[in-house]
Amino acid sequence: MPSKSRFMAENAALRARRAEREDKSANRPSGKGEEPPERAIAERDRIEEALKISEVRYRRLFETAKDGILILDAETGRITDANPFLQDLLGYSQGELLGKMLWEIGPFRDIAASRAAFRKLQRKKYIRYDNLPLETKGRRHRYVEFVSNVYRVNGTKVIQCNIRDNTARHQAEEVLANFSKELEKRVEERTTELLTANKLLKKMLDEGKRAEEEIRKSRERLRNLSGSLQSLLEDERTRISREIHDELGQALTALKIDLSLTRRSLVSGGHAEQSAKVHENERAVNRIIRTVRKIATDLRPGILDELGVAAAIEWMAKDFQKRTGIGCKVVLQGVDNISDTVRATAIFRVVQEALTNVMRHAAASRVNVSLKKKDRTLVVEVRDNGIGITEGRMIGSKSFGLIGIRERVRLLGGEAVIRGKPGEGTLVRVTLPEGEGVSANA
């Protein structure tokens, strides 16, 4: 759709052409090169008709715009026009707006409390405010995008202010920001607890060096505590994920349904303008729902609990390939499902950590993931064709991900082997005793 400034420029050009023709006609000596009257009249009528059409088109756009529009006298700052959308937004009638200074209108006192702000606009010819707080005549609080430009029409400077209502988006962003802060606070609290526990464990290890038997007992206590911490962490992830999905997700879904019903009611009632605004809010809620789902899935994917670790690994591989562009092939053999949630979670986290390392460090183009049952042993392998892990990184004290893999597996009585060759990739191989709750497929 053509812009309002384009129609203003078009009007100015037509008026200039009309004035130019009138000046030429008035200044041309009598009898010398006079233009035929019929031709002059036809040209003047054509310009007048084009000017009238341009003004009608501009006025139609002005009156039906879905954003608020204010027109000001650039010299005095007085309001010369305001479209219906702005009147509805602010709650002022056209009579209450016309002839007033911009800073005399309640909603704009905060941004134009003095003439200095208006002089800034006169000087710079452009001002923009994002999420500007306004208060309507009825004392309702709105947040808008406010953009002002200076144009010249018929030799006179005018200021056009475009005002877009962003209240719904601002409120949704505030809700999400508050929720993110709460989530960060919870994670920080849990992290502090884990760090405190880790410090305690280190102290216990240092003291355990005095005797071999004490070392063995200390290590046993450490593993048990580590397992408890991991279990607590998984429980907390699951709890927070469910709270996000069930409480916030359901609330947002209900809001979406309410908005949809409201929009349909408005459409059936012939309120197209209000329906479009509600539809915009509905799309904003959809975006928030997608973000909430992603947060819940990152904490703990529901597919792990609903369909089992085999399906969860296949889902994770597809998501990994989609996000990184690295080809990821999954082979499942002899295992249909593992109902032992501790083992299923351990296998899922091992594969997740291995794929994370591939993405961050391997520089690979392909990775193969397999979960197989051999005799009464579960074997998990993640093999890539990247640069290959070095010995230093395998045993480094800062390789927390690899340390976590080894500890998870050891707590379940299994074994983790991590090896790599320069230029030939890396292999993470985990074996776990079958335990209870493993069913084989055909």
Protein backbone atom coordinates (compact mmCIF):
# COMPACT_ATOMS: atom_id res chain seq x y z
CA MET A 1 0.00 0.00 0.00
CA PRO A 2 1.40 3.48 -0.84
CA SER A 3 2.62 5.44 2.16
CA LYS A 4 1.00 8.56 3.56
CA SER A 5 4.20 10.55 2.93
CA ARG A 6 4.13 9.54 -0.75
CA PHE A 7 0.61 10.95 -1.16
CA MET A 8 1.68 14.16 0.54
CA ALA A 9 4.63 14.49 -1.85
CA GLU A 10 2.35 13.71 -4.79
CA ASN A 11 -0.09 16.44 -3.75
CA ALA A 12 2.75 18.92 -3.37
CA ALA A 13 4.08 18.11 -6.86
CA LEU A 14 0.64 18.58 -8.46
CA ARG A 15 0.07 21.87 -6.69
CA ALA A 16 3.50 23.07 -7.83
CA ARG A 17 2.71 22.19 -11.43
CA ARG A 18 -0.58 24.06 -11.23
CA ALA A 19 1.13 27.14 -9.78
CA GLU A 20 3.84 26.99 -12.42
CA ARG A 21 1.31 26.95 -15.24
CA GLU A 22 -0.59 29.86 -13.74
CA ASP A 23 2.65 31.88 -13.41
CA LYS A 24 3.63 31.16 -17.02
CA SER A 25 0.20 32.17 -18.26
CA ALA A 26 0.25 35.42 -16.25
CA ASN A 27 3.79 36.42 -17.31
CA ARG A 28 3.57 35.50 -21.03
CA PRO A 29 3.46 38.69 -23.29
CA SER A 30 0.18 39.08 -25.11
CA GLY A 31 0.21 37.72 -28.63
CA LYS A 32 3.59 36.04 -28.33
CA GLY A 33 3.54 32.27 -28.29
CA GLU A 34 0.24 32.11 -26.52
CA GLU A 35 -0.95 28.61 -25.74
CA PRO A 36 -4.34 27.78 -27.23
CA PRO A 37 -7.03 28.41 -24.59
CA GLU A 38 -8.57 24.98 -25.08
CA ARG A 39 -5.23 23.30 -24.45
CA ALA A 40 -4.49 25.39 -21.37
CA ILE A 41 -7.94 24.73 -19.93
CA ALA A 42 -7.65 21.00 -20.60
CA GLU A 43 -4.23 20.85 -18.95
CA ARG A 44 -5.46 22.78 -15.93
CA ASP A 45 -8.52 20.53 -15.62
CA ARG A 46 -6.31 17.46 -15.85
CA ILE A 47 -4.06 18.73 -13.04
CA GLU A 48 -7.08 19.67 -10.93
CA GLU A 49 -8.60 16.20 -11.44
CA ALA A 50 -5.31 14.46 -10.59
CA LEU A 51 -4.96 16.64 -7.50
CA LYS A 52 -8.51 15.82 -6.42
CA ILE A 53 -7.93 12.06 -6.91
CA SER A 54 -4.65 12.20 -5.00
CA GLU A 55 -6.28 14.05 -2.12
CA VAL A 56 -9.17 11.55 -2.00
CA ARG A 57 -6.73 8.64 -1.96
CA TYR A 58 -4.66 10.25 0.79
CA ARG A 59 -7.77 11.02 2.84
CA ARG A 60 -9.08 7.47 2.47
CA LEU A 61 -5.73 6.07 3.65
CA PHE A 62 -5.64 8.58 6.51
CA GLU A 63 -9.17 7.76 7.67
CA THR A 64 -8.86 3.95 7.46
CA ALA A 65 -5.27 3.53 8.75
CA LYS A 66 -4.84 0.94 11.52
CA ASP A 67 -2.26 3.18 13.19
CA GLY A 68 -2.87 6.52 14.88
CA ILE A 69 -1.87 9.57 12.81
CA LEU A 70 -1.40 13.15 14.04
CA ILE A 71 -0.65 16.07 11.74
CA LEU A 72 1.03 19.11 13.37
CA ASP A 73 1.99 22.57 12.21
CA ALA A 74 5.81 22.32 12.18
CA GLU A 75 6.23 25.96 13.24
CA THR A 76 3.79 26.12 16.15
CA GLY A 77 3.30 22.49 17.16
CA ARG A 78 -0.50 22.81 16.97
CA ILE A 79 -2.52 19.76 15.94
CA THR A 80 -4.16 20.27 12.55
CA ASP A 81 -5.62 16.78 12.00
CA ALA A 82 -6.04 13.42 13.73
CA ASN A 83 -7.41 10.22 12.23
CA PRO A 84 -10.25 8.13 13.78
CA PHE A 85 -7.92 5.34 14.94
CA LEU A 86 -5.93 7.79 17.09
CA GLN A 87 -9.12 9.29 18.52
CA ASP A 88 -10.31 5.81 19.54
CA LEU A 89 -6.88 4.92 20.96
CA LEU A 90 -6.54 8.01 23.14
CA GLY A 91 -10.22 8.56 23.92
CA TYR A 92 -10.24 12.17 22.69
CA SER A 93 -12.66 13.56 20.11
CA GLN A 94 -11.36 15.42 17.09
CA GLY A 95 -12.66 18.66 18.58
CA GLU A 96 -10.60 18.09 21.72
CA LEU A 97 -7.45 17.57 19.65
CA LEU A 98 -7.57 20.16 16.86
CA GLY A 99 -5.82 23.44 17.57
CA LYS A 100 -4.09 22.13 20.71
CA MET A 101 -0.33 22.03 21.19
CA LEU A 102 1.04 18.49 21.25
CA TRP A 103 2.25 18.88 24.84
CA GLU A 104 -1.18 20.15 25.94
CA ILE A 105 -2.71 16.70 25.32
CA GLY A 106 -2.55 14.47 28.41
CA PRO A 107 -0.95 11.35 26.85
CA PHE A 108 2.02 13.35 25.46
CA ARG A 109 2.95 15.40 28.50
CA ASP A 110 5.66 12.95 29.51
CA ILE A 111 7.50 13.14 26.16
CA ALA A 112 6.85 16.79 25.36
CA ALA A 113 6.76 18.41 28.77
CA SER A 114 8.57 21.43 27.32
CA ARG A 115 9.11 23.05 23.96
CA ALA A 116 12.63 21.58 23.91
CA ALA A 117 11.34 18.21 22.69
CA PHE A 118 9.41 19.93 19.89
CA ARG A 119 12.48 21.97 18.90
CA LYS A 120 14.48 18.73 18.75
CA LEU A 121 11.95 17.35 16.24
CA GLN A 122 12.11 20.58 14.21
CA ARG A 123 15.89 20.31 14.10
CA LYS A 124 16.34 16.58 13.48
CA LYS A 125 13.14 16.10 11.44
CA TYR A 126 12.79 12.57 12.84
CA ILE A 127 12.06 11.16 16.32
CA ARG A 128 11.24 7.60 17.32
CA TYR A 129 10.16 6.09 20.66
CA ASP A 130 9.69 2.35 21.24
CA ASN A 131 7.33 1.07 23.96
CA LEU A 132 6.38 4.61 24.94
CA PRO A 133 3.99 4.60 27.94
CA LEU A 134 0.84 6.69 27.43
CA GLU A 135 -2.26 7.29 29.51
CA THR A 136 -5.56 7.71 27.65
CA LYS A 137 -8.26 10.15 28.55
CA GLY A 138 -9.97 7.33 30.45
CA ARG A 139 -6.68 6.72 32.38
CA ARG A 140 -5.97 3.44 30.65
CA HIS A 141 -2.25 2.70 30.23
CA ARG A 142 -1.07 1.90 26.72
CA TYR A 143 2.37 1.28 25.20
CA VAL A 144 2.99 2.59 21.69
CA GLU A 145 5.61 2.99 19.00
CA PHE A 146 5.84 6.74 18.27
CA VAL A 147 7.49 7.96 15.02
CA SER A 148 7.51 11.59 13.86
CA ASN A 149 8.69 12.95 10.48
CA VAL A 150 8.76 16.46 9.01
CA TYR A 151 7.38 17.02 5.48
CA ARG A 152 6.77 20.05 3.31
CA VAL A 153 3.28 20.49 1.81
CA ASN A 154 2.48 23.51 -0.41
CA GLY A 155 5.59 25.22 0.85
CA THR A 156 4.55 24.70 4.49
CA LYS A 157 6.30 22.33 6.88
CA VAL A 158 4.07 19.82 8.65
CA ILE A 159 4.87 17.08 11.14
CA GLN A 160 3.28 13.67 10.77
CA CYS A 161 3.24 11.49 13.91
CA ASN A 162 2.53 7.77 13.42
CA ILE A 163 1.45 5.98 16.61
CA ARG A 164 1.17 2.17 16.76
CA ASP A 165 -0.44 0.41 19.76
CA ASN A 166 2.02 -2.24 21.05
CA THR A 167 0.29 -2.81 24.39
CA ALA A 168 -0.46 -6.52 23.88
CA ARG A 169 3.07 -7.27 22.73
CA HIS A 170 4.56 -5.29 25.63
CA GLN A 171 2.39 -7.10 28.17
CA ALA A 172 3.29 -10.50 26.70
CA GLU A 173 6.98 -9.61 26.81
CA GLU A 174 6.64 -8.55 30.45
CA VAL A 175 4.93 -11.86 31.35
CA LEU A 176 7.67 -13.84 29.61
CA ALA A 177 10.43 -11.70 31.14
CA ASN A 178 9.01 -12.17 34.64
CA PHE A 179 8.70 -15.88 34.09
CA SER A 180 12.29 -16.07 32.78
CA LYS A 181 13.53 -14.20 35.85
CA GLU A 182 11.71 -16.64 38.13
CA LEU A 183 13.14 -19.59 36.22
CA GLU A 184 16.65 -18.12 36.37
CA LYS A 185 16.22 -17.57 40.10
CA ARG A 186 15.23 -21.21 40.62
CA VAL A 187 18.11 -22.47 38.50
CA GLU A 188 20.52 -20.17 40.36
CA GLU A 189 19.28 -21.49 43.70
CA ARG A 190 19.71 -25.08 42.54
CA THR A 191 23.15 -24.27 41.12
CA THR A 192 24.19 -22.72 44.41
CA GLU A 193 23.08 -25.85 46.21
CA LEU A 194 25.04 -28.03 43.80
CA LEU A 195 28.15 -25.86 44.10
CA THR A 196 27.90 -25.99 47.87
CA ALA A 197 27.53 -29.76 47.72
CA ASN A 198 30.51 -30.03 45.35
CA LYS A 199 32.67 -28.01 47.73
CA LEU A 200 31.65 -30.31 50.52
CA LEU A 201 32.51 -33.35 48.41
CA LYS A 202 35.96 -31.96 47.56
CA LYS A 203 36.65 -31.34 51.23
CA MET A 204 35.59 -34.89 52.03
CA LEU A 205 37.94 -36.21 49.31
CA ASP A 206 40.88 -34.21 50.63
CA GLU A 207 40.33 -35.56 54.11
CA GLY A 208 39.91 -39.10 52.74
CA LYS A 209 43.47 -39.15 51.36
CA ARG A 210 44.84 -40.00 54.82
CA ALA A 211 44.03 -43.64 54.48
CA GLU A 212 43.19 -46.01 51.63
CA GLU A 213 40.13 -47.33 53.37
CA GLU A 214 38.90 -43.84 54.07
CA ILE A 215 39.43 -42.96 50.40
CA ARG A 216 37.36 -45.91 49.32
CA LYS A 217 34.58 -45.02 51.74
CA SER A 218 34.69 -41.35 50.75
CA ARG A 219 34.44 -42.21 47.07
CA GLU A 220 31.49 -44.41 47.77
CA ARG A 221 29.79 -41.60 49.65
CA LEU A 222 30.59 -39.18 46.83
CA ARG A 223 29.06 -41.42 44.20
CA ASN A 224 25.92 -41.91 46.22
CA LEU A 225 25.59 -38.19 46.83
CA SER A 226 26.30 -37.46 43.16
CA GLY A 227 23.59 -39.92 42.21
CA SER A 228 21.19 -38.24 44.61
CA LEU A 229 22.05 -34.83 43.20
CA GLN A 230 21.54 -36.06 39.67
CA SER A 231 18.26 -37.62 40.68
CA LEU A 232 17.19 -34.41 42.41
CA LEU A 233 18.23 -32.40 39.36
CA GLU A 234 16.22 -34.63 37.03
CA ASP A 235 13.25 -34.48 39.39
CA GLU A 236 13.47 -30.70 39.53
CA ARG A 237 13.81 -30.46 35.73
CA THR A 238 10.73 -32.68 35.37
CA ARG A 239 8.76 -30.68 37.95
CA ILE A 240 9.61 -27.29 36.45
CA SER A 241 8.97 -28.59 32.93
CA ARG A 242 5.53 -29.89 33.93
CA GLU A 243 4.67 -26.67 35.76
CA ILE A 244 5.59 -24.68 32.66
CA HIS A 245 3.66 -27.03 30.36
CA ASP A 246 0.61 -27.58 32.56
CA GLU A 247 0.10 -24.23 34.30
CA LEU A 248 1.55 -21.61 31.98
CA GLY A 249 0.84 -23.64 28.86
CA GLN A 250 -2.80 -24.22 29.78
CA ALA A 251 -3.26 -20.56 30.73
CA LEU A 252 -1.84 -19.40 27.42
CA THR A 253 -3.93 -21.93 25.49
CA ALA A 254 -7.07 -20.72 27.28
CA LEU A 255 -6.12 -17.14 26.45
CA LYS A 256 -5.62 -18.12 22.81
CA ILE A 257 -9.07 -19.77 22.70
CA ASP A 258 -10.68 -16.72 24.31
CA LEU A 259 -9.01 -14.44 21.78
CA SER A 260 -10.11 -16.68 18.91
CA LEU A 261 -13.73 -16.69 20.13
CA THR A 262 -13.63 -12.93 20.62
CA ARG A 263 -12.24 -12.42 17.11
CA ARG A 264 -14.93 -14.60 15.55
CA SER A 265 -17.61 -12.75 17.49
CA LEU A 266 -16.26 -9.42 16.26
CA VAL A 267 -16.12 -10.66 12.66
CA SER A 268 -19.70 -11.89 12.82
CA GLY A 269 -20.71 -8.56 14.32
CA GLY A 270 -19.07 -6.63 11.49
CA HIS A 271 -16.29 -5.15 13.64
CA ALA A 272 -13.42 -5.83 11.23
CA GLU A 273 -11.06 -3.28 12.74
CA GLN A 274 -11.34 -4.65 16.26
CA SER A 275 -11.15 -8.20 14.91
CA ALA A 276 -7.81 -7.44 13.21
CA LYS A 277 -6.39 -6.12 16.46
CA VAL A 278 -7.54 -9.21 18.38
CA HIS A 279 -6.02 -11.40 15.65
CA GLU A 280 -2.69 -9.62 16.13
CA ASN A 281 -2.86 -10.37 19.86
CA GLU A 282 -3.72 -13.99 19.04
CA ARG A 283 -0.56 -14.31 16.94
CA ALA A 284 1.50 -12.83 19.80
CA VAL A 285 0.11 -15.49 22.18
CA ASN A 286 1.01 -18.20 19.64
CA ARG A 287 4.63 -17.00 19.65
CA ILE A 288 4.72 -17.10 23.45
CA ILE A 289 3.27 -20.64 23.46
CA ARG A 290 6.06 -21.80 21.12
CA THR A 291 8.69 -20.24 23.40
CA VAL A 292 7.17 -21.86 26.50
CA ARG A 293 7.11 -25.25 24.80
CA LYS A 294 10.80 -24.91 23.86
CA ILE A 295 11.77 -24.04 27.44
CA ALA A 296 9.80 -27.03 28.79
CA THR A 297 11.34 -29.37 26.19
CA ASP A 298 14.88 -28.15 26.92
CA LEU A 299 14.38 -28.91 30.62
CA ARG A 300 13.05 -32.43 29.98
CA PRO A 301 11.47 -33.62 26.73
CA GLY A 302 8.04 -35.12 27.31
CA ILE A 303 8.70 -37.82 24.70
CA LEU A 304 11.23 -39.43 27.08
CA ASP A 305 8.51 -40.15 29.64
CA GLU A 306 5.68 -40.76 27.18
CA LEU A 307 7.28 -42.94 24.46
CA GLY A 308 10.54 -44.07 26.02
CA VAL A 309 14.24 -43.56 25.44
CA ALA A 310 14.33 -45.15 21.97
CA ALA A 311 11.82 -42.68 20.56
CA ALA A 312 13.47 -39.85 22.53
CA ILE A 313 16.88 -40.61 20.96
CA GLU A 314 15.36 -40.61 17.46
CA TRP A 315 13.66 -37.27 18.17
CA MET A 316 16.90 -35.84 19.59
CA ALA A 317 18.88 -36.95 16.53
CA LYS A 318 16.41 -35.32 14.13
CA ASP A 319 16.44 -32.10 16.17
CA PHE A 320 20.28 -32.18 16.30
CA GLN A 321 20.52 -32.62 12.53
CA LYS A 322 18.01 -29.83 11.93
CA ARG A 323 19.82 -27.38 14.24
CA THR A 324 23.42 -28.14 13.24
CA GLY A 325 23.25 -29.46 9.68
CA ILE A 326 25.37 -32.46 10.79
CA GLY A 327 24.01 -35.75 9.46
CA CYS A 328 22.84 -37.97 12.31
CA LYS A 329 21.90 -41.64 11.84
CA VAL A 330 20.26 -43.72 14.60
CA VAL A 331 20.32 -47.52 14.85
CA LEU A 332 18.14 -49.29 17.43
CA GLN A 333 18.62 -53.03 17.73
CA GLY A 334 17.10 -55.50 20.14
CA VAL A 335 15.60 -52.84 22.39
CA ASP A 336 12.03 -51.67 22.02
CA ASN A 337 11.67 -49.86 25.32
CA ILE A 338 13.41 -49.44 28.68
CA SER A 339 10.88 -48.99 31.45
CA ASP A 340 13.60 -48.50 34.08
CA THR A 341 13.41 -44.69 34.20
CA VAL A 342 16.84 -44.33 35.86
CA ARG A 343 18.60 -46.24 33.06
CA ALA A 344 16.46 -44.60 30.37
CA THR A 345 17.33 -41.15 31.69
CA ALA A 346 21.02 -42.03 31.97
CA ILE A 347 21.15 -43.29 28.35
CA PHE A 348 19.32 -40.19 27.09
CA ARG A 349 21.66 -37.81 28.96
CA VAL A 350 24.76 -39.69 27.75
CA VAL A 351 23.67 -39.37 24.11
CA GLN A 352 22.65 -35.72 24.69
CA GLU A 353 26.06 -34.82 26.17
CA ALA A 354 27.93 -36.70 23.43
CA LEU A 355 26.00 -34.87 20.69
CA THR A 356 26.62 -31.56 22.46
CA ASN A 357 30.38 -32.28 22.36
CA VAL A 358 30.15 -33.15 18.67
CA MET A 359 28.41 -29.85 17.95
CA ARG A 360 30.87 -27.76 19.99
CA HIS A 361 34.24 -29.42 19.39
CA ALA A 362 34.27 -32.18 16.76
CA ALA A 363 33.99 -30.21 13.48
CA ALA A 364 32.23 -33.31 12.13
CA SER A 365 29.95 -33.76 9.13
CA ARG A 366 28.38 -37.02 10.25
CA VAL A 367 27.58 -38.81 13.52
CA ASN A 368 26.16 -42.28 14.15
CA VAL A 369 24.16 -43.15 17.27
CA SER A 370 23.28 -46.71 18.23
CA LEU A 371 21.47 -48.40 21.13
CA LYS A 372 21.72 -52.17 21.13
CA LYS A 373 21.09 -55.11 23.44
CA LYS A 374 23.75 -57.81 23.58
CA ASP A 375 23.04 -60.73 25.88
CA ARG A 376 21.95 -58.93 29.06
CA THR A 377 23.92 -55.76 28.37
CA LEU A 378 22.84 -52.46 26.87
CA VAL A 379 25.41 -50.83 24.58
CA VAL A 380 25.24 -47.16 23.59
CA GLU A 381 27.63 -45.74 20.98
CA VAL A 382 28.04 -42.23 19.59
CA ARG A 383 30.67 -42.06 16.83
CA ASP A 384 31.58 -38.99 14.72
CA ASN A 385 33.98 -38.35 11.83
CA GLY A 386 35.43 -35.14 13.26
CA ILE A 387 38.91 -34.05 14.35
CA GLY A 388 39.11 -36.54 17.23
CA ILE A 389 39.28 -35.82 20.94
CA THR A 390 42.72 -35.40 22.54
CA GLU A 391 43.97 -37.24 25.61
CA GLY A 392 44.18 -33.95 27.50
CA ARG A 393 40.51 -33.18 26.96
CA MET A 394 39.46 -36.71 27.92
CA ILE A 395 41.07 -36.49 31.35
CA GLY A 396 40.94 -32.72 31.87
CA SER A 397 39.51 -31.45 35.14
CA LYS A 398 37.27 -29.02 33.26
CA SER A 399 35.69 -31.68 31.02
CA PHE A 400 32.55 -31.71 33.13
CA GLY A 401 30.40 -33.30 30.42
CA LEU A 402 32.68 -36.33 30.04
CA ILE A 403 33.07 -36.59 33.80
CA GLY A 404 29.28 -36.58 34.10
CA ILE A 405 28.98 -39.41 31.56
CA ARG A 406 31.47 -41.57 33.46
CA GLU A 407 29.80 -40.92 36.81
CA ARG A 408 26.29 -41.67 35.55
CA VAL A 409 27.42 -44.94 34.04
CA ARG A 410 29.50 -45.97 37.07
CA LEU A 411 26.57 -45.40 39.43
CA LEU A 412 24.58 -47.95 37.42
CA GLY A 413 27.40 -50.50 37.46
CA GLY A 414 28.38 -49.87 33.85
CA GLU A 415 31.47 -48.75 31.94
CA ALA A 416 32.19 -45.73 29.76
CA VAL A 417 34.93 -45.70 27.11
CA ILE A 418 35.86 -42.46 25.36
CA ARG A 419 38.58 -42.46 22.72
CA GLY A 420 39.60 -40.54 19.65
CA LYS A 421 42.18 -40.33 16.89
CA PRO A 422 43.33 -37.13 15.20
CA GLY A 423 41.44 -36.81 11.93
CA GLU A 424 39.43 -39.99 12.49
CA GLY A 425 36.77 -38.81 14.93
CA THR A 426 35.69 -39.72 18.44
CA LEU A 427 33.84 -42.68 19.93
CA VAL A 428 31.78 -42.62 23.14
CA ARG A 429 30.86 -46.19 24.11
CA VAL A 430 28.76 -47.01 27.19
CA THR A 431 27.80 -50.46 28.44
CA LEU A 432 25.18 -50.97 31.14
CA PRO A 433 23.87 -54.13 32.77
CA GLU A 434 20.34 -54.74 31.56
CA GLY A 435 18.67 -54.57 34.96
CA GLU A 436 14.90 -54.63 35.21
CA GLY A 437 12.32 -53.40 32.71
CA VAL A 438 13.97 -53.87 29.28
CA SER A 439 11.85 -55.38 26.51
CA ALA A 440 13.26 -56.61 23.19
CA ASN A 441 11.66 -55.95 19.85
CA ALA A 442 11.05 -58.56 17.21
